[in-house]
Amino acid sequence: MKKLKSKVRKKLFKKKPISTKIRLQAWTILILMALFSIFLSYVKPFLALHISPLIIAVVLGSFFGNIAHKQTKIIEKTKISKFATKEILRLGIVLYGFKITLNDIAHVGITGLIFACFMVFSTFFIGQFIGQLIGLDKKSSILISSGSSICGAAAVLATESIVKGGGEKTAIAVCTVVIFGTFGMFAYPMIYKWGILDFSGVEMGFLIGGTLHEVAHVVAAGSGVGGDAADTSVIIKMIRVLMLVPFLLMLTIFSGSLVADGKHHSKKIKNSIPYFAIWFLVVVVFGSFLPEYIRKSILPIMNFIDMLLLSVAMLALGLGIRKKVLMNAGKKPFILALVLAIWLFVGGYLAVSFLLKFLN
């Protein structure tokens, strides 16, 4: 009798598999909204202000996530939003490599490597100091600092595999990345267009790529500024993303009691290596050696596909900006994230103004 009751309970509470119809609904919502974002970028008010489809997409995603609860739950239930902010975003970045040539990377050179290294490690260690100063727990400080210093949510998740911060701390760290990165994504193009900083397009690209949180934020802000800033910002950001590998190794050596079992731990690090950044470089090299007539014929098609993929990723990213999550997080994580956002801008500005000019 007990066995029969147990079987009945299992059948009643067994999770039903997600149907293909629901998955198609979720994809349809995201793709249609992405296409709508691209369409809006060509409408006069948005076109006149040079607002990128990616910026429009993250606003639409945030608005949709906070009002259309039923549809948002469908998207989250299928885990398509998670897939979009990881695999779709990474594919979009890889395809972005067709826009950039080896000559563009040569302009960045050793200067870009030193600049990216300075921004990553200075931001992380400042985060540890400030976190301790305001009384935030060590694991939260590490997660928030890694997200701010390297590549946003991807860095938070990779770091979590080492420090074992738990779901709640990880979610809050990702939330801070989305909020402050999104703010910077809007602010940087306006700062440039209002002439607040006396920076060239290349210098603005260094600032955007070296200081904004997510890869998607960098792509959106860079395209908002346009010109040399768009390509330079992505190159600098890709160097920062590649810094995730030495960063994780450093964290492994110095994290002490926070590090997990050796074999399992090394496997986690291997899974966290940002291979998409390496594929981005492969595409750059491949595209650089294509004959000019082929580049010109395929580039418009690749640009549209790339913009659509990145818009889908930005919509999914916007869905994560929830009022409820912000209210339950407390002040300390956001104080640390705010201080780091200020440092990223000020430190980036100083590095571009002095270090960059000195090295050149």
Protein backbone atom coordinates (compact mmCIF):
# COMPACT_ATOMS: atom_id res chain seq x y z
CA MET A 1 0.00 0.00 0.00
CA LYS A 2 2.82 2.41 0.90
CA LYS A 3 4.59 1.61 -2.37
CA LEU A 4 1.37 2.31 -4.29
CA LYS A 5 0.94 5.69 -2.54
CA SER A 6 4.57 6.54 -3.27
CA LYS A 7 4.07 5.80 -6.98
CA VAL A 8 0.88 7.91 -7.08
CA ARG A 9 2.72 10.84 -5.43
CA LYS A 10 5.57 10.57 -7.94
CA LYS A 11 3.10 10.65 -10.83
CA LEU A 12 1.21 13.61 -9.38
CA PHE A 13 4.27 15.71 -8.61
CA LYS A 14 6.43 14.63 -11.53
CA LYS A 15 7.43 17.63 -13.63
CA LYS A 16 5.88 17.54 -17.07
CA PRO A 17 8.37 17.85 -19.93
CA ILE A 18 8.26 21.21 -21.71
CA SER A 19 6.46 20.80 -25.03
CA THR A 20 7.86 21.91 -28.39
CA LYS A 21 4.89 24.29 -28.70
CA ILE A 22 5.89 26.18 -25.52
CA ARG A 23 9.52 26.36 -26.69
CA LEU A 24 8.39 27.74 -30.05
CA GLN A 25 6.25 30.35 -28.25
CA ALA A 26 9.26 31.44 -26.18
CA TRP A 27 11.54 31.71 -29.22
CA THR A 28 8.84 33.55 -31.17
CA ILE A 29 8.45 36.16 -28.39
CA LEU A 30 12.22 36.82 -28.24
CA ILE A 31 12.80 36.87 -32.01
CA LEU A 32 9.82 39.13 -32.74
CA MET A 33 10.88 41.55 -30.01
CA ALA A 34 14.45 41.50 -31.35
CA LEU A 35 13.21 42.30 -34.86
CA PHE A 36 11.03 45.06 -33.38
CA SER A 37 14.11 46.52 -31.64
CA ILE A 38 15.99 46.60 -34.95
CA PHE A 39 12.97 48.19 -36.66
CA LEU A 40 12.69 50.87 -33.94
CA SER A 41 16.35 51.82 -34.41
CA TYR A 42 15.42 52.99 -37.95
CA VAL A 43 12.45 55.08 -36.78
CA LYS A 44 13.23 58.82 -36.90
CA PRO A 45 13.55 59.72 -33.18
CA PHE A 46 15.81 56.71 -32.46
CA LEU A 47 17.73 57.10 -35.74
CA ALA A 48 18.38 60.80 -35.07
CA LEU A 49 19.81 59.97 -31.62
CA HIS A 50 21.83 57.01 -33.05
CA ILE A 51 20.31 54.65 -30.46
CA SER A 52 21.53 51.09 -31.05
CA PRO A 53 19.00 48.23 -31.44
CA LEU A 54 20.84 46.54 -28.58
CA ILE A 55 20.07 49.39 -26.19
CA ILE A 56 16.42 49.35 -27.30
CA ALA A 57 16.37 45.56 -26.81
CA VAL A 58 17.55 45.65 -23.18
CA VAL A 59 14.93 48.31 -22.31
CA LEU A 60 12.18 46.27 -24.00
CA GLY A 61 13.37 43.15 -22.19
CA SER A 62 13.32 44.86 -18.78
CA PHE A 63 9.89 46.42 -19.44
CA PHE A 64 8.50 43.10 -20.69
CA GLY A 65 9.95 41.16 -17.74
CA ASN A 66 8.27 43.42 -15.19
CA ILE A 67 4.79 43.60 -16.77
CA ALA A 68 4.26 40.41 -18.81
CA HIS A 69 4.74 37.91 -15.99
CA LYS A 70 3.01 34.97 -17.68
CA GLN A 71 5.03 35.21 -20.92
CA THR A 72 8.26 35.80 -18.97
CA LYS A 73 7.62 32.64 -16.93
CA ILE A 74 7.19 30.68 -20.17
CA ILE A 75 10.57 31.93 -21.41
CA GLU A 76 12.27 31.17 -18.07
CA LYS A 77 10.60 27.75 -17.80
CA THR A 78 12.08 26.69 -21.13
CA LYS A 79 15.52 28.02 -20.05
CA ILE A 80 15.70 29.82 -23.40
CA SER A 81 16.59 33.14 -21.73
CA LYS A 82 19.62 31.44 -20.11
CA PHE A 83 20.56 29.91 -23.48
CA ALA A 84 20.21 33.33 -25.17
CA THR A 85 22.47 35.15 -22.68
CA LYS A 86 25.15 32.46 -23.04
CA GLU A 87 25.26 30.54 -26.34
CA ILE A 88 23.38 33.07 -28.52
CA LEU A 89 25.44 35.96 -27.13
CA ARG A 90 28.69 34.06 -27.65
CA LEU A 91 27.75 33.15 -31.23
CA GLY A 92 26.91 36.81 -31.87
CA ILE A 93 30.33 37.87 -30.54
CA VAL A 94 32.10 35.25 -32.66
CA LEU A 95 30.30 36.52 -35.79
CA TYR A 96 31.18 40.10 -34.80
CA GLY A 97 34.75 39.06 -35.61
CA PHE A 98 33.94 39.43 -39.33
CA LYS A 99 33.72 43.21 -38.79
CA ILE A 100 37.27 43.38 -37.44
CA THR A 101 40.60 42.73 -39.17
CA LEU A 102 44.12 41.99 -37.92
CA ASN A 103 45.03 45.58 -38.79
CA ASP A 104 42.42 46.79 -36.27
CA ILE A 105 43.93 44.56 -33.55
CA ALA A 106 47.44 45.81 -34.42
CA HIS A 107 46.24 49.33 -33.53
CA VAL A 108 45.47 48.11 -30.00
CA GLY A 109 48.65 46.03 -29.60
CA ILE A 110 50.57 45.68 -26.33
CA THR A 111 48.94 48.87 -25.07
CA GLY A 112 45.54 47.19 -25.09
CA LEU A 113 46.89 44.16 -23.23
CA ILE A 114 48.47 46.29 -20.46
CA PHE A 115 45.34 48.47 -20.21
CA ALA A 116 42.99 45.45 -19.94
CA CYS A 117 45.25 43.76 -17.38
CA PHE A 118 45.36 46.93 -15.25
CA MET A 119 41.57 47.37 -15.31
CA VAL A 120 40.81 43.72 -14.46
CA PHE A 121 43.15 43.22 -11.51
CA SER A 122 42.92 46.74 -10.02
CA THR A 123 39.10 46.50 -10.02
CA PHE A 124 39.11 43.08 -8.38
CA PHE A 125 41.50 44.00 -5.54
CA ILE A 126 39.73 47.33 -4.90
CA GLY A 127 36.49 45.31 -4.67
CA GLN A 128 38.02 43.06 -2.00
CA PHE A 129 39.18 46.07 0.05
CA ILE A 130 35.85 47.94 -0.19
CA GLY A 131 33.83 44.78 0.50
CA GLN A 132 35.75 44.21 3.73
CA LEU A 133 35.43 47.89 4.65
CA ILE A 134 31.61 47.92 4.41
CA GLY A 135 31.24 44.52 6.13
CA LEU A 136 30.09 42.50 3.12
CA ASP A 137 30.84 38.77 3.33
CA LYS A 138 33.95 37.58 1.46
CA LYS A 139 32.18 35.34 -1.05
CA SER A 140 29.78 38.08 -2.15
CA SER A 141 32.71 40.50 -2.48
CA ILE A 142 34.61 38.06 -4.70
CA LEU A 143 31.56 37.34 -6.91
CA ILE A 144 30.60 41.02 -7.38
CA SER A 145 34.22 42.09 -7.95
CA SER A 146 34.85 39.37 -10.54
CA GLY A 147 31.69 40.33 -12.45
CA SER A 148 32.65 44.01 -12.47
CA SER A 149 36.30 43.46 -13.37
CA ILE A 150 36.18 40.83 -16.13
CA CYS A 151 33.11 39.91 -18.15
CA GLY A 152 29.93 40.24 -16.11
CA ALA A 153 27.63 37.30 -15.47
CA ALA A 154 29.96 34.78 -17.15
CA ALA A 155 32.77 35.73 -14.75
CA VAL A 156 30.40 35.55 -11.76
CA LEU A 157 29.31 32.02 -12.72
CA ALA A 158 32.88 30.89 -13.38
CA THR A 159 34.03 32.35 -10.05
CA GLU A 160 31.10 30.74 -8.20
CA SER A 161 32.39 27.32 -9.26
CA ILE A 162 35.48 28.05 -7.15
CA VAL A 163 34.20 30.01 -4.14
CA LYS A 164 30.85 28.15 -3.84
CA GLY A 165 28.87 31.28 -3.00
CA GLY A 166 25.44 29.70 -3.47
CA GLY A 167 22.45 30.59 -5.65
CA GLU A 168 21.30 33.73 -3.82
CA LYS A 169 24.74 35.41 -3.68
CA THR A 170 25.34 34.53 -7.33
CA ALA A 171 21.95 35.94 -8.42
CA ILE A 172 22.60 39.22 -6.57
CA ALA A 173 26.09 39.52 -8.10
CA VAL A 174 24.65 38.96 -11.59
CA CYS A 175 21.92 41.50 -10.84
CA THR A 176 24.50 44.19 -9.92
CA VAL A 177 26.37 43.48 -13.16
CA VAL A 178 23.21 43.85 -15.26
CA ILE A 179 22.10 47.08 -13.53
CA PHE A 180 25.39 49.02 -13.50
CA GLY A 181 26.49 47.66 -16.87
CA THR A 182 23.17 48.68 -18.40
CA PHE A 183 23.46 52.17 -16.88
CA GLY A 184 26.96 52.53 -18.35
CA MET A 185 25.72 51.23 -21.69
CA PHE A 186 23.33 54.20 -21.89
CA ALA A 187 25.65 56.77 -20.27
CA TYR A 188 28.81 56.28 -22.35
CA PRO A 189 27.35 57.13 -25.79
CA MET A 190 25.69 60.24 -24.27
CA ILE A 191 28.94 61.30 -22.54
CA TYR A 192 30.75 61.04 -25.89
CA LYS A 193 28.10 62.84 -27.93
CA TRP A 194 27.77 65.67 -25.40
CA GLY A 195 31.54 66.18 -25.54
CA ILE A 196 32.03 65.68 -21.78
CA LEU A 197 35.26 63.75 -22.44
CA ASP A 198 37.78 65.03 -24.94
CA PHE A 199 38.36 61.53 -26.35
CA SER A 200 38.83 60.29 -29.91
CA GLY A 201 36.80 57.34 -31.17
CA VAL A 202 39.67 54.93 -30.44
CA GLU A 203 40.15 56.31 -26.90
CA MET A 204 36.40 56.01 -26.26
CA GLY A 205 36.61 52.42 -27.49
CA PHE A 206 39.35 51.73 -24.92
CA LEU A 207 37.20 53.27 -22.16
CA ILE A 208 34.05 51.33 -23.13
CA GLY A 209 35.81 47.99 -23.65
CA GLY A 210 37.93 48.36 -20.52
CA THR A 211 35.21 49.41 -18.09
CA LEU A 212 31.76 48.06 -19.00
CA HIS A 213 30.62 44.80 -17.43
CA GLU A 214 28.98 42.48 -19.98
CA VAL A 215 30.19 41.82 -23.52
CA ALA A 216 26.69 42.78 -24.67
CA HIS A 217 26.95 46.12 -22.83
CA VAL A 218 30.21 46.85 -24.64
CA VAL A 219 28.80 45.95 -28.05
CA ALA A 220 25.72 48.12 -27.45
CA ALA A 221 27.65 51.13 -26.10
CA GLY A 222 30.32 50.82 -28.81
CA SER A 223 27.71 50.72 -31.57
CA GLY A 224 25.98 53.70 -29.89
CA VAL A 225 29.18 55.75 -30.23
CA GLY A 226 29.98 54.27 -33.65
CA GLY A 227 33.09 54.57 -35.82
CA ASP A 228 36.43 53.43 -34.38
CA ALA A 229 34.91 53.10 -30.90
CA ALA A 230 32.70 50.17 -31.97
CA ASP A 231 35.54 47.91 -33.14
CA THR A 232 38.13 49.01 -30.57
CA SER A 233 35.75 48.46 -27.64
CA VAL A 234 35.06 44.85 -28.68
CA ILE A 235 38.78 44.06 -29.12
CA ILE A 236 39.61 45.46 -25.65
CA LYS A 237 36.66 43.60 -24.13
CA MET A 238 37.78 40.33 -25.72
CA ILE A 239 41.22 40.80 -24.13
CA ARG A 240 39.46 41.32 -20.77
CA VAL A 241 37.39 38.17 -21.35
CA LEU A 242 40.55 36.15 -22.03
CA MET A 243 41.88 37.43 -18.68
CA LEU A 244 39.30 35.12 -17.06
CA VAL A 245 41.71 32.18 -17.46
CA PRO A 246 44.68 33.67 -15.47
CA PHE A 247 42.17 35.20 -13.03
CA LEU A 248 40.66 31.79 -12.20
CA LEU A 249 44.13 30.30 -11.76
CA MET A 250 45.03 33.17 -9.40
CA LEU A 251 41.81 32.65 -7.46
CA THR A 252 42.55 28.93 -7.18
CA ILE A 253 45.98 29.57 -5.68
CA PHE A 254 44.96 32.31 -3.21
CA SER A 255 41.38 31.40 -2.26
CA GLY A 256 42.53 28.88 0.38
CA SER A 257 39.60 27.36 2.25
CA LEU A 258 37.13 28.63 -0.39
CA VAL A 259 38.50 26.21 -2.98
CA ALA A 260 36.75 22.88 -3.52
CA ASP A 261 38.12 19.37 -4.09
CA GLY A 262 41.20 19.33 -6.38
CA LYS A 263 40.12 17.07 -9.31
CA HIS A 264 36.55 18.34 -9.42
CA HIS A 265 37.84 21.87 -9.08
CA SER A 266 40.27 21.70 -12.01
CA LYS A 267 37.47 20.29 -14.19
CA LYS A 268 35.29 23.31 -13.24
CA ILE A 269 38.07 25.70 -14.30
CA LYS A 270 38.45 23.89 -17.62
CA ASN A 271 34.69 24.28 -18.24
CA SER A 272 34.94 27.99 -17.40
CA ILE A 273 37.60 28.83 -20.03
CA PRO A 274 36.03 31.38 -22.43
CA TYR A 275 36.52 29.43 -25.67
CA PHE A 276 34.19 31.82 -27.51
CA ALA A 277 36.83 34.57 -27.17
CA ILE A 278 39.35 32.27 -28.90
CA TRP A 279 36.84 31.54 -31.69
CA PHE A 280 36.30 35.30 -32.02
CA LEU A 281 40.04 35.65 -32.79
CA VAL A 282 39.86 32.73 -35.26
CA VAL A 283 37.03 34.48 -37.16
CA VAL A 284 38.99 37.77 -37.15
CA VAL A 285 42.01 36.00 -38.72
CA PHE A 286 39.82 34.11 -41.23
CA GLY A 287 37.95 37.28 -42.23
CA SER A 288 41.18 39.26 -42.60
CA PHE A 289 42.44 36.92 -45.33
CA LEU A 290 39.20 36.85 -47.33
CA PRO A 291 39.35 38.63 -50.71
CA GLU A 292 37.87 42.15 -50.51
CA TYR A 293 35.00 41.43 -52.93
CA ILE A 294 33.87 38.44 -50.80
CA ARG A 295 34.09 40.50 -47.58
CA LYS A 296 31.93 43.23 -49.11
CA SER A 297 29.30 40.76 -50.33
CA ILE A 298 28.92 38.74 -47.11
CA LEU A 299 29.42 41.52 -44.54
CA PRO A 300 25.88 43.06 -44.79
CA ILE A 301 24.31 39.60 -44.34
CA MET A 302 26.62 38.72 -41.43
CA ASN A 303 25.94 42.14 -39.84
CA PHE A 304 22.16 41.58 -39.87
CA ILE A 305 22.41 38.02 -38.49
CA ASP A 306 24.84 39.25 -35.84
CA MET A 307 22.60 42.17 -34.84
CA LEU A 308 19.60 39.84 -34.55
CA LEU A 309 21.51 37.36 -32.36
CA LEU A 310 22.86 40.10 -30.10
CA SER A 311 19.41 41.73 -29.84
CA VAL A 312 17.92 38.40 -28.71
CA ALA A 313 20.70 38.12 -26.09
CA MET A 314 20.09 41.69 -24.88
CA LEU A 315 16.34 41.06 -24.55
CA ALA A 316 17.05 37.98 -22.44
CA LEU A 317 19.51 40.02 -20.36
CA GLY A 318 16.84 42.70 -19.82
CA LEU A 319 14.39 40.07 -18.56
CA GLY A 320 16.67 39.57 -15.54
CA ILE A 321 16.30 43.18 -14.33
CA ARG A 322 13.47 42.54 -11.86
CA LYS A 323 12.08 44.85 -9.22
CA LYS A 324 11.62 41.98 -6.73
CA VAL A 325 15.27 40.83 -6.93
CA LEU A 326 16.50 44.38 -6.32
CA MET A 327 14.28 44.89 -3.28
CA ASN A 328 15.39 41.65 -1.57
CA ALA A 329 19.13 42.07 -2.08
CA GLY A 330 19.97 44.61 0.64
CA LYS A 331 22.22 47.67 0.32
CA LYS A 332 25.76 46.34 0.75
CA PRO A 333 26.11 44.44 -2.58
CA PHE A 334 24.89 47.51 -4.47
CA ILE A 335 27.16 49.88 -2.53
CA LEU A 336 30.15 47.73 -3.54
CA ALA A 337 28.96 47.49 -7.16
CA LEU A 338 28.41 51.27 -7.28
CA VAL A 339 31.91 52.00 -5.91
CA LEU A 340 33.38 49.61 -8.48
CA ALA A 341 31.37 51.22 -11.30
CA ILE A 342 32.72 54.64 -10.25
CA TRP A 343 36.27 53.23 -10.09
CA LEU A 344 35.89 51.63 -13.53
CA PHE A 345 34.95 54.98 -15.04
CA VAL A 346 37.52 57.09 -13.12
CA GLY A 347 40.31 54.48 -13.36
CA GLY A 348 39.53 53.89 -17.03
CA TYR A 349 39.53 57.61 -17.74
CA LEU A 350 42.90 58.09 -16.01
CA ALA A 351 44.39 55.04 -17.72
CA VAL A 352 43.24 56.20 -21.16
CA SER A 353 44.35 59.79 -20.50
CA PHE A 354 47.83 59.04 -19.11
CA LEU A 355 48.85 55.38 -19.44
CA LEU A 356 47.58 55.08 -23.01
CA LYS A 357 49.28 58.28 -24.19
CA PHE A 358 52.51 57.36 -22.37
CA LEU A 359 52.67 53.90 -23.97
CA ASN A 360 51.92 55.31 -27.40
